[in-house]
């Protein structure tokens, strides 16, 4: 509202909070043996996230940030099937709420994300960041998958090239990543 800067609301990160709080072993056990309990936990956390997000939206914020480091090097922390069953509903509800207010939702997630792109698209996620290159994310494959349905933020190798490369390495890497992120079908 008249500011040259975008103000960003941040609702709790449902995946990372539950994953970090319960741990991967407990999540796996609940998903297999007590799915109803894991659904209940996820639904309760979804209510918290939606409440916080609604306050931001009612205050007039048009950008909602979320996150949850869902990946590691070369693979996700959780299978797309388990993510879709237990965690996707909350992300979809949050995106739906933001869109109702004319706002957008962007997500930060370190690690390999490509296996979850379909889930993010189903949820209506507007933007994805960090697209960590050393984790195995490839901007050309990602762009081909999401096309113009999602804004991609990042995709620069900040932990290797940008930190230890020469200025020429950095320039060449950046140009290569821009080409991957903007070229479709060829």
N, C-alpha and C. Protein backbone atom coordinates (compact mmCIF):
# COMPACT_ATOMS: atom_id res chain seq x y z
N UNK A 1 0.83 -1.19 0.00
CA UNK A 1 0.00 0.00 0.00
C UNK A 1 0.87 1.25 0.00
N UNK A 2 1.44 1.56 -1.15
CA UNK A 2 2.26 2.74 -1.29
C UNK A 2 3.73 2.51 -1.00
N UNK A 3 4.07 1.36 -0.44
CA UNK A 3 5.47 1.06 -0.15
C UNK A 3 6.14 0.50 -1.39
N UNK A 4 7.41 0.87 -1.63
CA UNK A 4 8.10 0.32 -2.81
C UNK A 4 8.54 -1.13 -2.58
N UNK A 5 8.32 -1.66 -1.38
CA UNK A 5 8.76 -3.01 -1.05
C UNK A 5 7.56 -3.92 -0.81
N UNK A 6 7.69 -5.17 -1.19
CA UNK A 6 6.63 -6.15 -0.95
C UNK A 6 6.74 -6.65 0.49
N UNK A 7 5.66 -6.56 1.21
CA UNK A 7 5.63 -7.05 2.58
C UNK A 7 5.14 -8.49 2.53
N UNK A 8 5.79 -9.34 3.27
CA UNK A 8 5.61 -10.77 3.18
C UNK A 8 5.13 -11.32 4.52
N UNK A 9 3.98 -11.97 4.55
CA UNK A 9 3.53 -12.65 5.76
C UNK A 9 4.09 -14.06 5.78
N UNK A 10 4.31 -14.59 6.95
CA UNK A 10 4.90 -15.92 7.04
C UNK A 10 4.09 -16.78 8.01
N UNK A 11 3.40 -17.75 7.49
CA UNK A 11 2.64 -18.69 8.32
C UNK A 11 3.53 -19.89 8.64
N UNK A 12 3.21 -20.61 9.69
CA UNK A 12 4.04 -21.75 10.08
C UNK A 12 4.22 -22.76 8.95
N UNK A 13 5.38 -23.36 8.95
CA UNK A 13 5.73 -24.34 7.93
C UNK A 13 5.23 -25.71 8.38
N UNK A 14 4.10 -26.13 7.87
CA UNK A 14 3.46 -27.34 8.40
C UNK A 14 4.30 -28.59 8.26
N UNK A 15 4.92 -28.83 7.12
CA UNK A 15 5.71 -30.05 6.97
C UNK A 15 6.90 -30.04 7.91
N UNK A 16 7.69 -28.99 7.86
CA UNK A 16 8.93 -28.96 8.64
C UNK A 16 8.65 -29.00 10.14
N UNK A 17 7.60 -28.34 10.57
CA UNK A 17 7.27 -28.35 12.00
C UNK A 17 6.88 -29.75 12.46
N UNK A 18 6.06 -30.43 11.70
CA UNK A 18 5.62 -31.77 12.08
C UNK A 18 6.77 -32.76 11.94
N UNK A 19 7.49 -32.70 10.84
CA UNK A 19 8.63 -33.58 10.59
C UNK A 19 9.70 -33.38 11.68
N UNK A 20 10.01 -32.12 11.97
CA UNK A 20 11.01 -31.83 12.99
C UNK A 20 10.54 -32.19 14.39
N UNK A 21 9.27 -32.00 14.65
CA UNK A 21 8.74 -32.29 15.97
C UNK A 21 8.60 -33.77 16.26
N UNK A 22 8.13 -34.53 15.27
CA UNK A 22 7.92 -35.96 15.48
C UNK A 22 9.11 -36.81 15.05
N UNK A 23 9.83 -36.33 14.05
CA UNK A 23 10.95 -37.09 13.51
C UNK A 23 10.52 -38.04 12.42
N UNK A 24 11.45 -38.38 11.53
CA UNK A 24 11.11 -39.23 10.38
C UNK A 24 10.64 -40.63 10.77
N UNK A 25 11.20 -41.19 11.81
CA UNK A 25 10.80 -42.54 12.22
C UNK A 25 9.35 -42.55 12.68
N UNK A 26 8.97 -41.57 13.48
CA UNK A 26 7.59 -41.50 13.97
C UNK A 26 6.62 -41.21 12.83
N UNK A 27 7.01 -40.30 11.92
CA UNK A 27 6.16 -40.01 10.76
C UNK A 27 5.93 -41.29 9.95
N UNK A 28 7.00 -42.03 9.68
CA UNK A 28 6.88 -43.26 8.90
C UNK A 28 5.99 -44.28 9.62
N UNK A 29 6.17 -44.41 10.92
CA UNK A 29 5.36 -45.36 11.68
C UNK A 29 3.89 -44.95 11.67
N UNK A 30 3.62 -43.68 11.91
CA UNK A 30 2.23 -43.21 11.91
C UNK A 30 1.59 -43.37 10.53
N UNK A 31 2.33 -43.03 9.47
CA UNK A 31 1.79 -43.16 8.12
C UNK A 31 1.39 -44.59 7.80
N UNK A 32 2.18 -45.55 8.28
CA UNK A 32 1.90 -46.96 8.01
C UNK A 32 0.89 -47.57 8.97
N UNK A 33 1.06 -47.31 10.27
CA UNK A 33 0.29 -48.04 11.28
C UNK A 33 -0.87 -47.25 11.88
N UNK A 34 -0.75 -45.93 11.90
CA UNK A 34 -1.80 -45.10 12.49
C UNK A 34 -2.04 -43.86 11.63
N UNK A 35 -2.45 -44.08 10.39
CA UNK A 35 -2.63 -42.94 9.48
C UNK A 35 -3.67 -41.93 10.00
N UNK A 36 -4.68 -42.42 10.69
CA UNK A 36 -5.69 -41.51 11.23
C UNK A 36 -5.09 -40.52 12.21
N UNK A 37 -4.15 -40.97 13.03
CA UNK A 37 -3.48 -40.09 14.00
C UNK A 37 -2.64 -39.05 13.28
N UNK A 38 -1.91 -39.47 12.23
CA UNK A 38 -1.10 -38.51 11.48
C UNK A 38 -1.99 -37.51 10.76
N UNK A 39 -3.12 -37.97 10.21
CA UNK A 39 -4.08 -37.04 9.59
C UNK A 39 -4.56 -36.01 10.62
N UNK A 40 -4.86 -36.47 11.82
CA UNK A 40 -5.33 -35.58 12.89
C UNK A 40 -4.26 -34.53 13.24
N UNK A 41 -3.03 -34.96 13.38
CA UNK A 41 -1.93 -34.04 13.69
C UNK A 41 -1.79 -33.01 12.58
N UNK A 42 -1.79 -33.48 11.34
CA UNK A 42 -1.64 -32.57 10.19
C UNK A 42 -2.82 -31.59 10.11
N UNK A 43 -4.02 -32.08 10.35
CA UNK A 43 -5.21 -31.21 10.29
C UNK A 43 -5.15 -30.15 11.37
N UNK A 44 -4.72 -30.52 12.58
CA UNK A 44 -4.61 -29.53 13.66
C UNK A 44 -3.57 -28.47 13.33
N UNK A 45 -2.45 -28.88 12.76
CA UNK A 45 -1.43 -27.90 12.40
C UNK A 45 -1.90 -27.03 11.23
N UNK A 46 -2.67 -27.62 10.33
CA UNK A 46 -3.25 -26.85 9.23
C UNK A 46 -4.11 -25.72 9.76
N UNK A 47 -4.90 -25.99 10.80
CA UNK A 47 -5.75 -24.94 11.39
C UNK A 47 -4.91 -23.80 11.92
N UNK A 48 -3.80 -24.11 12.56
CA UNK A 48 -2.90 -23.06 13.06
C UNK A 48 -2.35 -22.24 11.90
N UNK A 49 -1.87 -22.91 10.87
CA UNK A 49 -1.31 -22.22 9.71
C UNK A 49 -2.34 -21.32 9.04
N UNK A 50 -3.55 -21.84 8.87
CA UNK A 50 -4.60 -21.05 8.23
C UNK A 50 -4.99 -19.84 9.07
N UNK A 51 -5.01 -20.00 10.38
CA UNK A 51 -5.35 -18.87 11.26
C UNK A 51 -4.32 -17.76 11.14
N UNK A 52 -3.04 -18.12 11.20
CA UNK A 52 -1.97 -17.12 11.08
C UNK A 52 -2.02 -16.47 9.71
N UNK A 53 -2.17 -17.28 8.68
CA UNK A 53 -2.21 -16.76 7.32
C UNK A 53 -3.40 -15.81 7.13
N UNK A 54 -4.54 -16.16 7.69
CA UNK A 54 -5.73 -15.31 7.55
C UNK A 54 -5.49 -13.94 8.18
N UNK A 55 -4.83 -13.90 9.34
CA UNK A 55 -4.51 -12.60 9.96
C UNK A 55 -3.65 -11.75 9.03
N UNK A 56 -2.67 -12.36 8.41
CA UNK A 56 -1.81 -11.63 7.46
C UNK A 56 -2.62 -11.11 6.28
N UNK A 57 -3.48 -11.96 5.74
CA UNK A 57 -4.27 -11.57 4.58
C UNK A 57 -5.28 -10.48 4.92
N UNK A 58 -5.90 -10.58 6.08
CA UNK A 58 -6.85 -9.55 6.50
C UNK A 58 -6.16 -8.22 6.76
N UNK A 59 -4.87 -8.27 7.09
CA UNK A 59 -4.09 -7.05 7.28
C UNK A 59 -3.68 -6.42 5.95
N UNK A 60 -3.93 -7.14 4.85
CA UNK A 60 -3.65 -6.59 3.53
C UNK A 60 -2.40 -7.12 2.86
N UNK A 61 -1.71 -8.06 3.48
CA UNK A 61 -0.51 -8.61 2.84
C UNK A 61 -0.91 -9.41 1.61
N UNK A 62 -0.11 -9.33 0.58
CA UNK A 62 -0.42 -9.99 -0.68
C UNK A 62 0.56 -11.09 -1.03
N UNK A 63 1.54 -11.30 -0.16
CA UNK A 63 2.53 -12.36 -0.38
C UNK A 63 2.63 -13.16 0.91
N UNK A 64 2.43 -14.46 0.80
CA UNK A 64 2.56 -15.35 1.95
C UNK A 64 3.73 -16.29 1.70
N UNK A 65 4.63 -16.32 2.66
CA UNK A 65 5.79 -17.21 2.57
C UNK A 65 5.51 -18.45 3.40
N UNK A 66 5.99 -19.55 2.92
CA UNK A 66 5.98 -20.77 3.71
C UNK A 66 7.24 -21.52 3.36
N UNK A 67 7.43 -22.61 3.99
CA UNK A 67 8.63 -23.39 3.71
C UNK A 67 8.55 -24.72 4.39
N UNK A 68 9.57 -25.41 4.27
CA UNK A 68 9.69 -26.74 4.84
C UNK A 68 10.71 -27.47 4.01
N UNK A 69 11.86 -27.68 4.57
CA UNK A 69 12.90 -28.35 3.80
C UNK A 69 12.50 -29.79 3.57
N UNK A 70 12.00 -30.04 2.37
CA UNK A 70 11.44 -31.33 2.01
C UNK A 70 12.42 -32.26 1.32
N UNK A 71 13.62 -31.77 1.05
CA UNK A 71 14.54 -32.58 0.29
C UNK A 71 15.92 -32.70 0.90
N UNK A 72 16.65 -33.62 0.32
CA UNK A 72 18.06 -33.78 0.63
C UNK A 72 18.78 -33.88 -0.71
N UNK A 73 20.01 -34.30 -0.72
CA UNK A 73 20.73 -34.42 -1.98
C UNK A 73 20.13 -35.57 -2.79
N UNK A 74 19.70 -35.27 -4.00
CA UNK A 74 19.22 -36.23 -4.99
C UNK A 74 17.90 -36.95 -4.67
N UNK A 75 17.24 -36.60 -3.58
CA UNK A 75 15.93 -37.22 -3.29
C UNK A 75 15.20 -36.39 -2.24
N UNK A 76 13.91 -36.62 -2.19
CA UNK A 76 13.10 -35.93 -1.20
C UNK A 76 13.19 -36.67 0.14
N UNK A 77 12.83 -35.98 1.21
CA UNK A 77 12.80 -36.60 2.53
C UNK A 77 11.61 -37.55 2.68
N UNK A 78 10.59 -37.31 1.87
CA UNK A 78 9.33 -38.03 2.00
C UNK A 78 8.84 -38.36 0.59
N UNK A 79 8.21 -39.49 0.45
CA UNK A 79 7.73 -39.87 -0.89
C UNK A 79 6.58 -38.95 -1.30
N UNK A 80 6.43 -38.72 -2.59
CA UNK A 80 5.30 -37.93 -3.06
C UNK A 80 3.96 -38.51 -2.60
N UNK A 81 3.84 -39.82 -2.55
CA UNK A 81 2.59 -40.46 -2.12
C UNK A 81 2.26 -40.08 -0.67
N UNK A 82 3.24 -40.17 0.23
CA UNK A 82 3.01 -39.83 1.63
C UNK A 82 2.79 -38.32 1.77
N UNK A 83 3.56 -37.53 1.03
CA UNK A 83 3.37 -36.08 1.08
C UNK A 83 1.94 -35.73 0.66
N UNK A 84 1.50 -36.30 -0.46
CA UNK A 84 0.17 -35.97 -0.97
C UNK A 84 -0.93 -36.37 0.01
N UNK A 85 -0.77 -37.51 0.65
CA UNK A 85 -1.82 -37.95 1.57
C UNK A 85 -1.90 -37.10 2.83
N UNK A 86 -0.77 -36.75 3.40
CA UNK A 86 -0.78 -36.12 4.71
C UNK A 86 -0.49 -34.62 4.72
N UNK A 87 0.34 -34.14 3.81
CA UNK A 87 0.79 -32.74 3.89
C UNK A 87 0.25 -31.84 2.78
N UNK A 88 -0.04 -32.39 1.64
CA UNK A 88 -0.57 -31.60 0.53
C UNK A 88 -1.89 -30.90 0.87
N UNK A 89 -2.82 -31.54 1.59
CA UNK A 89 -4.08 -30.85 1.89
C UNK A 89 -3.89 -29.50 2.59
N UNK A 90 -2.94 -29.42 3.51
CA UNK A 90 -2.71 -28.14 4.20
C UNK A 90 -2.15 -27.10 3.25
N UNK A 91 -1.21 -27.50 2.40
CA UNK A 91 -0.64 -26.53 1.45
C UNK A 91 -1.73 -26.06 0.49
N UNK A 92 -2.56 -26.98 0.02
CA UNK A 92 -3.65 -26.59 -0.89
C UNK A 92 -4.62 -25.63 -0.19
N UNK A 93 -4.99 -25.92 1.06
CA UNK A 93 -5.89 -25.02 1.79
C UNK A 93 -5.28 -23.63 1.94
N UNK A 94 -4.00 -23.59 2.21
CA UNK A 94 -3.32 -22.31 2.39
C UNK A 94 -3.26 -21.53 1.07
N UNK A 95 -2.96 -22.23 -0.02
CA UNK A 95 -2.94 -21.56 -1.33
C UNK A 95 -4.34 -21.07 -1.71
N UNK A 96 -5.35 -21.90 -1.47
CA UNK A 96 -6.73 -21.51 -1.76
C UNK A 96 -7.12 -20.26 -0.97
N UNK A 97 -6.75 -20.23 0.31
CA UNK A 97 -7.08 -19.07 1.14
C UNK A 97 -6.39 -17.81 0.62
N UNK A 98 -5.12 -17.92 0.33
CA UNK A 98 -4.38 -16.76 -0.19
C UNK A 98 -4.99 -16.27 -1.50
N UNK A 99 -5.30 -17.18 -2.38
CA UNK A 99 -5.87 -16.79 -3.68
C UNK A 99 -7.23 -16.12 -3.52
N UNK A 100 -7.99 -16.55 -2.51
CA UNK A 100 -9.28 -15.92 -2.23
C UNK A 100 -9.10 -14.43 -1.90
N UNK A 101 -7.98 -14.08 -1.30
CA UNK A 101 -7.66 -12.70 -0.95
C UNK A 101 -6.84 -11.99 -2.03
N UNK A 102 -6.62 -12.65 -3.16
CA UNK A 102 -5.83 -12.05 -4.23
C UNK A 102 -4.34 -12.03 -3.94
N UNK A 103 -3.90 -12.91 -3.06
CA UNK A 103 -2.49 -12.98 -2.68
C UNK A 103 -1.83 -14.21 -3.32
N UNK A 104 -0.53 -14.28 -3.20
CA UNK A 104 0.24 -15.40 -3.71
C UNK A 104 0.99 -16.08 -2.56
N UNK A 105 1.32 -17.35 -2.78
CA UNK A 105 2.09 -18.12 -1.79
C UNK A 105 3.38 -18.59 -2.46
N UNK A 106 4.48 -18.32 -1.78
CA UNK A 106 5.75 -18.87 -2.25
C UNK A 106 6.34 -19.75 -1.17
N UNK A 107 7.06 -20.77 -1.60
CA UNK A 107 7.63 -21.73 -0.66
C UNK A 107 9.13 -21.83 -0.83
N UNK A 108 9.82 -21.80 0.31
CA UNK A 108 11.25 -22.11 0.34
C UNK A 108 11.39 -23.57 0.72
N UNK A 109 12.22 -24.28 0.02
CA UNK A 109 12.55 -25.64 0.42
C UNK A 109 13.92 -25.99 -0.13
N UNK A 110 14.81 -26.33 0.76
CA UNK A 110 16.12 -26.81 0.35
C UNK A 110 16.01 -28.28 -0.07
N UNK A 111 17.00 -28.72 -0.80
CA UNK A 111 17.07 -30.11 -1.21
C UNK A 111 16.41 -30.36 -2.55
N UNK A 112 16.35 -31.62 -2.92
CA UNK A 112 15.79 -32.03 -4.20
C UNK A 112 14.28 -31.94 -4.18
N UNK A 113 13.71 -31.21 -5.11
CA UNK A 113 12.27 -30.93 -5.12
C UNK A 113 11.52 -31.50 -6.32
N UNK A 114 12.23 -31.94 -7.31
CA UNK A 114 11.57 -32.29 -8.57
C UNK A 114 10.48 -33.34 -8.42
N UNK A 115 10.63 -34.29 -7.50
CA UNK A 115 9.62 -35.33 -7.31
C UNK A 115 8.32 -34.78 -6.74
N UNK A 116 8.36 -33.59 -6.15
CA UNK A 116 7.16 -33.02 -5.52
C UNK A 116 6.52 -31.90 -6.36
N UNK A 117 7.04 -31.64 -7.55
CA UNK A 117 6.49 -30.56 -8.37
C UNK A 117 5.01 -30.76 -8.69
N UNK A 118 4.60 -31.97 -9.01
CA UNK A 118 3.19 -32.22 -9.30
C UNK A 118 2.33 -31.87 -8.10
N UNK A 119 2.81 -32.20 -6.91
CA UNK A 119 2.07 -31.88 -5.68
C UNK A 119 1.94 -30.38 -5.50
N UNK A 120 3.03 -29.66 -5.72
CA UNK A 120 3.01 -28.20 -5.57
C UNK A 120 2.06 -27.56 -6.59
N UNK A 121 2.05 -28.10 -7.80
CA UNK A 121 1.13 -27.59 -8.81
C UNK A 121 -0.32 -27.88 -8.43
N UNK A 122 -0.59 -29.09 -7.91
CA UNK A 122 -1.96 -29.43 -7.46
C UNK A 122 -2.41 -28.48 -6.36
N UNK A 123 -1.49 -28.10 -5.49
CA UNK A 123 -1.84 -27.21 -4.38
C UNK A 123 -2.13 -25.79 -4.85
N UNK A 124 -1.59 -25.42 -6.01
CA UNK A 124 -1.75 -24.06 -6.50
C UNK A 124 -0.63 -23.13 -6.03
N UNK A 125 0.50 -23.71 -5.64
CA UNK A 125 1.64 -22.92 -5.20
C UNK A 125 2.06 -21.97 -6.31
N UNK A 126 2.31 -20.71 -5.95
CA UNK A 126 2.63 -19.69 -6.96
C UNK A 126 4.12 -19.59 -7.28
N UNK A 127 4.97 -19.89 -6.30
CA UNK A 127 6.41 -19.76 -6.53
C UNK A 127 7.17 -20.74 -5.63
N UNK A 128 8.31 -21.19 -6.13
CA UNK A 128 9.16 -22.13 -5.41
C UNK A 128 10.58 -21.61 -5.39
N UNK A 129 11.20 -21.66 -4.22
CA UNK A 129 12.56 -21.18 -4.03
C UNK A 129 13.26 -22.20 -3.13
N UNK A 130 14.31 -22.70 -3.26
CA UNK A 130 15.61 -22.28 -3.68
C UNK A 130 16.13 -23.01 -4.90
N UNK A 131 15.51 -24.16 -5.22
CA UNK A 131 15.90 -24.92 -6.41
C UNK A 131 17.40 -25.23 -6.36
N UNK A 132 17.80 -25.80 -5.25
CA UNK A 132 19.21 -26.04 -4.92
C UNK A 132 19.89 -26.93 -5.97
N UNK A 133 20.84 -26.37 -6.68
CA UNK A 133 21.54 -27.08 -7.74
C UNK A 133 22.36 -28.26 -7.21
N UNK A 134 23.15 -28.10 -6.14
CA UNK A 134 23.94 -29.24 -5.66
C UNK A 134 23.08 -30.41 -5.16
N UNK A 135 21.80 -30.19 -4.90
CA UNK A 135 20.91 -31.27 -4.48
C UNK A 135 20.42 -32.09 -5.67
N UNK A 136 20.68 -31.62 -6.89
CA UNK A 136 20.28 -32.35 -8.09
C UNK A 136 19.13 -31.74 -8.86
N UNK A 137 18.61 -30.60 -8.40
CA UNK A 137 17.54 -29.93 -9.14
C UNK A 137 18.09 -29.38 -10.45
N UNK A 138 17.35 -29.56 -11.52
CA UNK A 138 17.75 -29.08 -12.84
C UNK A 138 16.70 -28.11 -13.34
N UNK A 139 17.09 -26.87 -13.53
CA UNK A 139 16.13 -25.83 -13.93
C UNK A 139 15.44 -26.13 -15.25
N UNK A 140 16.14 -26.75 -16.19
CA UNK A 140 15.51 -27.06 -17.48
C UNK A 140 14.37 -28.07 -17.29
N UNK A 141 14.62 -29.12 -16.50
CA UNK A 141 13.56 -30.11 -16.24
C UNK A 141 12.41 -29.48 -15.45
N UNK A 142 12.76 -28.66 -14.47
CA UNK A 142 11.74 -28.03 -13.64
C UNK A 142 10.88 -27.09 -14.48
N UNK A 143 11.51 -26.24 -15.29
CA UNK A 143 10.77 -25.30 -16.14
C UNK A 143 9.87 -26.08 -17.10
N UNK A 144 10.38 -27.16 -17.68
CA UNK A 144 9.56 -27.96 -18.60
C UNK A 144 8.32 -28.51 -17.89
N UNK A 145 8.47 -28.86 -16.62
CA UNK A 145 7.35 -29.42 -15.85
C UNK A 145 6.35 -28.34 -15.46
N UNK A 146 6.82 -27.23 -14.90
CA UNK A 146 5.89 -26.23 -14.37
C UNK A 146 5.45 -25.23 -15.42
N UNK A 147 6.24 -25.13 -16.50
CA UNK A 147 5.96 -24.18 -17.58
C UNK A 147 5.71 -22.79 -17.00
N UNK A 148 4.53 -22.21 -17.27
CA UNK A 148 4.24 -20.86 -16.76
C UNK A 148 3.30 -20.89 -15.55
N UNK A 149 3.15 -22.04 -14.92
CA UNK A 149 2.22 -22.18 -13.80
C UNK A 149 2.83 -21.80 -12.45
N UNK A 150 4.14 -21.61 -12.42
CA UNK A 150 4.81 -21.32 -11.16
C UNK A 150 6.05 -20.48 -11.41
N UNK A 151 6.26 -19.51 -10.54
CA UNK A 151 7.47 -18.70 -10.59
C UNK A 151 8.60 -19.47 -9.92
N UNK A 152 9.74 -19.51 -10.57
CA UNK A 152 10.91 -20.19 -10.02
C UNK A 152 11.89 -19.15 -9.50
N UNK A 153 12.31 -19.32 -8.26
CA UNK A 153 13.20 -18.37 -7.60
C UNK A 153 14.45 -19.13 -7.18
N UNK A 154 15.59 -18.73 -7.67
CA UNK A 154 16.83 -19.39 -7.28
C UNK A 154 17.40 -20.20 -8.42
N UNK A 155 17.90 -21.38 -8.09
CA UNK A 155 18.50 -22.23 -9.10
C UNK A 155 19.94 -21.87 -9.40
N UNK A 156 20.54 -21.08 -8.55
CA UNK A 156 21.94 -20.70 -8.69
C UNK A 156 22.73 -21.50 -7.67
N UNK A 157 23.85 -22.06 -8.06
CA UNK A 157 24.67 -22.87 -7.17
C UNK A 157 25.46 -21.96 -6.22
N UNK A 158 24.81 -21.61 -5.12
CA UNK A 158 25.42 -20.68 -4.17
C UNK A 158 26.43 -21.36 -3.25
N UNK A 159 26.35 -22.68 -3.11
CA UNK A 159 27.26 -23.34 -2.18
C UNK A 159 28.58 -23.78 -2.83
N UNK A 160 28.62 -23.82 -4.15
CA UNK A 160 29.87 -24.19 -4.82
C UNK A 160 30.33 -23.06 -5.74
N UNK A 161 29.63 -22.85 -6.84
CA UNK A 161 30.09 -21.91 -7.85
C UNK A 161 30.17 -20.48 -7.31
N UNK A 162 29.09 -20.00 -6.72
CA UNK A 162 29.07 -18.60 -6.28
C UNK A 162 29.98 -18.36 -5.08
N UNK A 163 30.25 -19.38 -4.29
CA UNK A 163 31.12 -19.22 -3.13
C UNK A 163 32.59 -19.41 -3.45
N UNK A 164 32.89 -20.32 -4.37
CA UNK A 164 34.29 -20.66 -4.61
C UNK A 164 34.75 -20.46 -6.05
N UNK A 165 33.84 -20.12 -6.95
CA UNK A 165 34.20 -19.93 -8.35
C UNK A 165 34.83 -18.57 -8.60
N UNK A 166 35.44 -18.46 -9.74
CA UNK A 166 36.00 -17.17 -10.18
C UNK A 166 34.84 -16.28 -10.62
N UNK A 167 35.09 -14.99 -10.77
CA UNK A 167 34.02 -14.14 -11.31
C UNK A 167 33.49 -14.66 -12.66
N UNK A 168 34.39 -15.15 -13.49
CA UNK A 168 33.96 -15.68 -14.79
C UNK A 168 33.10 -16.93 -14.60
N UNK A 169 33.45 -17.81 -13.66
CA UNK A 169 32.63 -18.99 -13.37
C UNK A 169 31.22 -18.58 -12.96
N UNK A 170 31.14 -17.57 -12.10
CA UNK A 170 29.85 -17.09 -11.61
C UNK A 170 29.00 -16.53 -12.74
N UNK A 171 29.60 -15.74 -13.58
CA UNK A 171 28.88 -15.15 -14.72
C UNK A 171 28.39 -16.24 -15.66
N UNK A 172 29.26 -17.19 -16.00
CA UNK A 172 28.88 -18.26 -16.92
C UNK A 172 27.78 -19.14 -16.32
N UNK A 173 27.92 -19.47 -15.06
CA UNK A 173 26.90 -20.30 -14.39
C UNK A 173 25.54 -19.58 -14.38
N UNK A 174 25.57 -18.32 -14.06
CA UNK A 174 24.32 -17.55 -14.00
C UNK A 174 23.66 -17.50 -15.37
N UNK A 175 24.44 -17.23 -16.41
CA UNK A 175 23.88 -17.20 -17.77
C UNK A 175 23.31 -18.56 -18.17
N UNK A 176 24.01 -19.63 -17.81
CA UNK A 176 23.53 -20.97 -18.12
C UNK A 176 22.21 -21.27 -17.40
N UNK A 177 22.12 -20.88 -16.15
CA UNK A 177 20.90 -21.13 -15.38
C UNK A 177 19.73 -20.29 -15.89
N UNK A 178 20.00 -19.05 -16.29
CA UNK A 178 18.95 -18.20 -16.86
C UNK A 178 18.42 -18.84 -18.14
N UNK A 179 19.31 -19.35 -18.97
CA UNK A 179 18.88 -19.99 -20.21
C UNK A 179 18.01 -21.22 -19.90
N UNK A 180 18.44 -22.04 -18.92
CA UNK A 180 17.65 -23.22 -18.54
C UNK A 180 16.27 -22.82 -18.01
N UNK A 181 16.23 -21.74 -17.27
CA UNK A 181 14.97 -21.33 -16.63
C UNK A 181 14.01 -20.64 -17.60
N UNK A 182 14.51 -20.19 -18.72
CA UNK A 182 13.65 -19.40 -19.61
C UNK A 182 13.40 -20.05 -20.96
N UNK A 183 14.09 -21.16 -21.25
CA UNK A 183 13.95 -21.80 -22.55
C UNK A 183 13.02 -23.00 -22.43
N UNK A 184 12.01 -23.01 -23.23
CA UNK A 184 11.08 -24.16 -23.27
C UNK A 184 11.15 -24.81 -24.64
N UNK A 185 11.04 -26.12 -24.64
CA UNK A 185 10.95 -26.89 -25.88
C UNK A 185 12.10 -26.58 -26.84
N UNK A 186 13.29 -26.67 -26.33
CA UNK A 186 14.39 -26.52 -27.25
C UNK A 186 15.45 -25.75 -26.66
